[in-house]
Protein backbone atom coordinates (compact mmCIF):
# COMPACT_ATOMS: atom_id res chain seq x y z
CA MET A 1 192.46 233.04 79.33
CA ILE A 2 188.13 233.02 80.50
CA LYS A 3 186.43 232.94 77.17
CA ILE A 4 182.75 233.70 77.42
CA ARG A 5 179.78 233.88 75.16
CA PHE A 6 176.36 235.25 75.38
CA TYR A 7 173.29 233.77 73.31
CA GLU A 8 169.98 234.52 73.33
CA ASN A 9 168.90 232.35 76.19
CA GLU A 10 172.69 231.05 77.14
CA ILE A 11 175.95 232.09 78.20
CA VAL A 12 179.06 229.94 78.06
CA ILE A 13 181.84 230.36 80.34
CA GLU A 14 185.06 228.43 79.79
CA GLY A 15 189.36 228.52 81.00
CA HIS A 16 191.13 229.95 83.15
CA ALA A 17 192.81 233.74 83.44
CA ASN A 18 196.22 232.53 84.18
CA PHE A 19 197.18 236.07 85.69
CA ASP A 20 198.30 234.84 88.82
CA GLU A 21 199.01 231.68 90.30
CA TYR A 22 196.04 229.32 91.83
CA GLY A 23 194.63 231.15 94.78
CA LYS A 24 196.45 234.75 93.71
CA ASP A 25 194.52 234.59 90.51
CA ILE A 26 192.35 238.14 91.29
CA VAL A 27 191.20 238.06 87.01
CA CYS A 28 189.82 234.47 88.08
CA ALA A 29 188.07 235.70 91.59
CA ALA A 30 186.61 239.09 90.06
CA VAL A 31 185.29 236.73 87.18
CA SER A 32 184.29 234.03 89.44
CA SER A 33 182.26 235.79 91.82
CA MET A 34 179.90 237.74 89.58
CA VAL A 35 179.62 234.69 87.15
CA GLN A 36 178.48 232.72 89.82
CA TYR A 37 176.39 235.22 91.88
CA SER A 38 174.36 236.03 88.45
CA ALA A 39 174.25 231.73 87.75
CA TYR A 40 172.58 231.55 91.22
CA ILE A 41 170.11 234.13 90.66
CA LEU A 42 169.19 233.35 87.17
CA LYS A 43 168.60 229.77 88.25
CA LEU A 44 166.14 230.73 91.19
CA ASN A 45 164.26 232.35 87.85
CA GLY A 46 164.21 228.85 86.21
CA ALA A 47 167.49 228.66 84.06
CA GLU A 48 169.78 225.29 84.12
CA LEU A 49 173.42 224.98 84.84
CA GLU A 50 175.97 222.66 83.59
CA LYS A 51 179.16 222.71 85.43
CA SER A 52 182.73 221.48 85.74
CA LYS A 53 186.42 222.06 86.27
CA GLY A 54 186.57 225.63 84.46
CA PHE A 55 183.77 225.20 82.84
CA LEU A 56 179.87 226.91 83.07
CA ARG A 57 176.94 226.67 81.01
CA ILE A 58 173.72 228.65 81.70
CA CYS A 59 171.18 227.51 79.60
CA ASN A 60 167.24 227.93 79.22
CA ILE A 61 167.63 231.96 80.58
CA LYS A 62 164.02 233.52 80.60
CA GLY A 63 163.19 236.47 78.91
CA ASP A 64 162.03 238.27 81.49
CA ASP A 65 162.52 241.68 83.02
CA CYS A 66 164.57 239.98 85.98
CA SER A 67 166.96 237.76 84.02
CA LYS A 68 168.01 240.69 81.38
CA LYS A 69 168.58 242.91 84.15
CA VAL A 70 171.11 240.08 85.53
CA ILE A 71 172.83 239.86 82.14
CA PHE A 72 173.07 243.37 81.70
CA VAL A 73 174.91 244.07 85.18
CA LEU A 74 177.07 240.98 84.38
CA LYS A 75 177.86 242.01 81.16
CA GLU A 76 179.05 245.52 82.40
CA ALA A 77 181.01 244.00 85.00
CA LEU A 78 182.73 241.78 83.01
CA MET A 79 183.68 244.57 80.52
CA ASP A 80 184.95 246.76 83.25
CA ILE A 81 186.69 244.01 83.97
CA LYS A 82 188.31 242.95 80.08
CA LYS A 83 189.43 246.74 80.09
CA LYS A 84 191.77 246.56 83.10
CA PHE A 85 192.84 242.53 81.31
CA PRO A 86 192.39 242.31 78.05
CA GLU A 87 194.84 239.45 77.56
CA HIS A 88 192.88 237.42 80.21
CA LEU A 89 189.23 237.96 79.52
CA GLU A 90 187.34 237.24 76.04
CA LEU A 91 183.81 238.16 75.76
CA GLU A 92 181.47 237.26 72.72
CA VAL A 93 177.64 238.78 72.59
CA LYS A 94 176.03 236.47 69.83
């Protein structure tokens, strides 16, 4: 299961969807593309990234309008994925 936790100025993503085998996992592909795209935008806006296999931490997220919009869109997209694949994605907002 992929676990994503949203904090005030940080997002932590870890785990694997295990929906299908490597290279065919559509849940992993959907979550990965949304998260990586959002992380890239947030990094351009001053956030820092910590990455390893099955783990991504986006920290020092700025509280500006751009970052807030990126996070809002990311949350909405992930909630849509969670509705369709609840056993493969867990979201937590703190």
